[in-house]
């Protein structure tokens, strides 16, 4: 069986909040499968089917996102840190607001 691909791109956060130079951990189905540096693109092979993805940096993380990928297909996501100070402040109380993760 051929695999699918999860493609993750980390774009600049925009506001200059801390942690821009730290690599984020990539979690697929709850397991760490790699890291993602600032302004980097990473591709991860995944078996066809339903999966979850999350980016993590210490106590901060993205919301968990669901995706489907078929044989030979690519699921494409982009992530970034907080772009506005209210979001950065809110992430102190709700850590899954620090990293935004969206499927393209």
Protein backbone atom coordinates (compact mmCIF):
# COMPACT_ATOMS: atom_id res chain seq x y z
CA UNK A 1 0.00 0.00 0.00
CA UNK A 2 1.32 3.45 -0.90
CA UNK A 3 1.36 6.19 1.67
CA UNK A 4 -0.06 9.69 1.80
CA UNK A 5 1.79 12.84 2.82
CA UNK A 6 1.23 15.38 5.56
CA UNK A 7 2.82 18.69 4.56
CA UNK A 8 3.35 21.32 7.27
CA UNK A 9 4.59 24.86 6.70
CA UNK A 10 5.50 27.17 9.57
CA UNK A 11 5.13 30.83 8.70
CA UNK A 12 6.30 33.79 10.73
CA UNK A 13 4.04 34.78 13.64
CA UNK A 14 4.12 38.48 12.89
CA UNK A 15 4.17 40.10 16.34
CA UNK A 16 7.66 39.15 17.52
CA UNK A 17 6.52 37.14 20.55
CA UNK A 18 9.05 34.76 22.09
CA UNK A 19 9.80 31.29 20.81
CA UNK A 20 10.13 32.13 17.12
CA UNK A 21 13.53 30.44 16.89
CA UNK A 22 12.46 27.28 18.74
CA UNK A 23 11.47 24.18 16.80
CA UNK A 24 7.96 22.88 17.33
CA UNK A 25 7.19 19.19 17.73
CA UNK A 26 4.91 17.59 15.16
CA UNK A 27 2.44 15.08 16.59
CA UNK A 28 0.45 12.75 14.35
CA UNK A 29 -2.15 10.58 16.06
CA UNK A 30 -0.66 11.55 19.45
CA UNK A 31 2.92 10.50 18.60
CA UNK A 32 5.83 12.82 17.91
CA UNK A 33 7.02 12.30 14.32
CA UNK A 34 9.36 15.25 13.76
CA UNK A 35 10.05 18.92 14.34
CA UNK A 36 9.24 22.12 12.46
CA UNK A 37 11.52 25.16 12.58
CA UNK A 38 10.52 28.74 11.79
CA UNK A 39 9.83 29.26 8.06
CA UNK A 40 10.37 25.58 7.35
CA UNK A 41 8.32 23.09 5.34
CA UNK A 42 8.26 19.45 6.48
CA UNK A 43 6.63 16.46 4.81
CA UNK A 44 5.69 13.37 6.82
CA UNK A 45 4.59 10.07 5.28
CA UNK A 46 1.32 8.77 6.76
CA UNK A 47 -0.78 5.73 5.90
CA UNK A 48 -4.06 6.37 4.08
CA UNK A 49 -7.01 7.10 6.35
CA UNK A 50 -8.16 9.40 9.14
CA UNK A 51 -5.51 11.11 11.31
CA UNK A 52 -4.98 13.95 13.77
CA UNK A 53 -2.16 16.50 13.78
CA UNK A 54 -0.99 18.94 16.45
CA UNK A 55 2.04 21.23 16.81
CA UNK A 56 3.61 21.67 20.25
CA UNK A 57 6.17 23.97 21.88
CA UNK A 58 6.64 23.15 25.57
CA UNK A 59 3.32 23.80 27.34
CA UNK A 60 1.93 25.61 24.29
CA UNK A 61 0.28 23.82 21.39
CA UNK A 62 -2.15 24.11 18.52
CA UNK A 63 -5.65 22.72 18.62
CA UNK A 64 -5.73 19.13 17.37
CA UNK A 65 -6.84 19.02 13.72
CA UNK A 66 -8.41 16.06 11.93
CA UNK A 67 -7.56 15.19 8.35
CA UNK A 68 -8.09 12.45 5.80
CA UNK A 69 -5.44 11.40 3.33
CA UNK A 70 -5.67 8.87 0.51
CA UNK A 71 -2.94 6.91 -1.18
CA UNK A 72 -0.63 9.32 -3.03
CA UNK A 73 -2.48 12.43 -1.75
CA UNK A 74 -1.18 15.31 0.38
CA UNK A 75 -2.87 16.99 3.34
CA UNK A 76 -1.48 20.54 3.52
CA UNK A 77 -1.37 22.62 6.73
CA UNK A 78 0.14 25.94 7.75
CA UNK A 79 0.97 27.03 11.29
CA UNK A 80 2.10 30.20 13.03
CA UNK A 81 2.44 31.73 16.49
CA UNK A 82 0.14 34.43 17.88
CA UNK A 83 -0.22 37.45 15.63
CA UNK A 84 -2.04 39.73 18.08
CA UNK A 85 -1.26 40.48 21.72
CA UNK A 86 -4.76 39.55 23.01
CA UNK A 87 -4.28 36.04 21.61
CA UNK A 88 -0.82 35.78 23.19
CA UNK A 89 -2.28 36.88 26.53
CA UNK A 90 -5.21 34.44 26.28
CA UNK A 91 -2.78 31.58 25.59
CA UNK A 92 -1.39 32.01 29.10
CA UNK A 93 -4.71 30.59 30.33
CA UNK A 94 -5.56 28.38 27.34
CA UNK A 95 -2.23 27.06 25.95
CA UNK A 96 -3.78 25.64 22.74
CA UNK A 97 -4.28 29.22 21.48
CA UNK A 98 -0.53 29.89 21.14
CA UNK A 99 -0.07 28.04 17.83
CA UNK A 100 -2.57 28.41 14.99
CA UNK A 101 -2.85 25.43 12.64
CA UNK A 102 -5.05 25.51 9.55
CA UNK A 103 -5.58 23.15 6.65
CA UNK A 104 -5.18 24.67 3.20
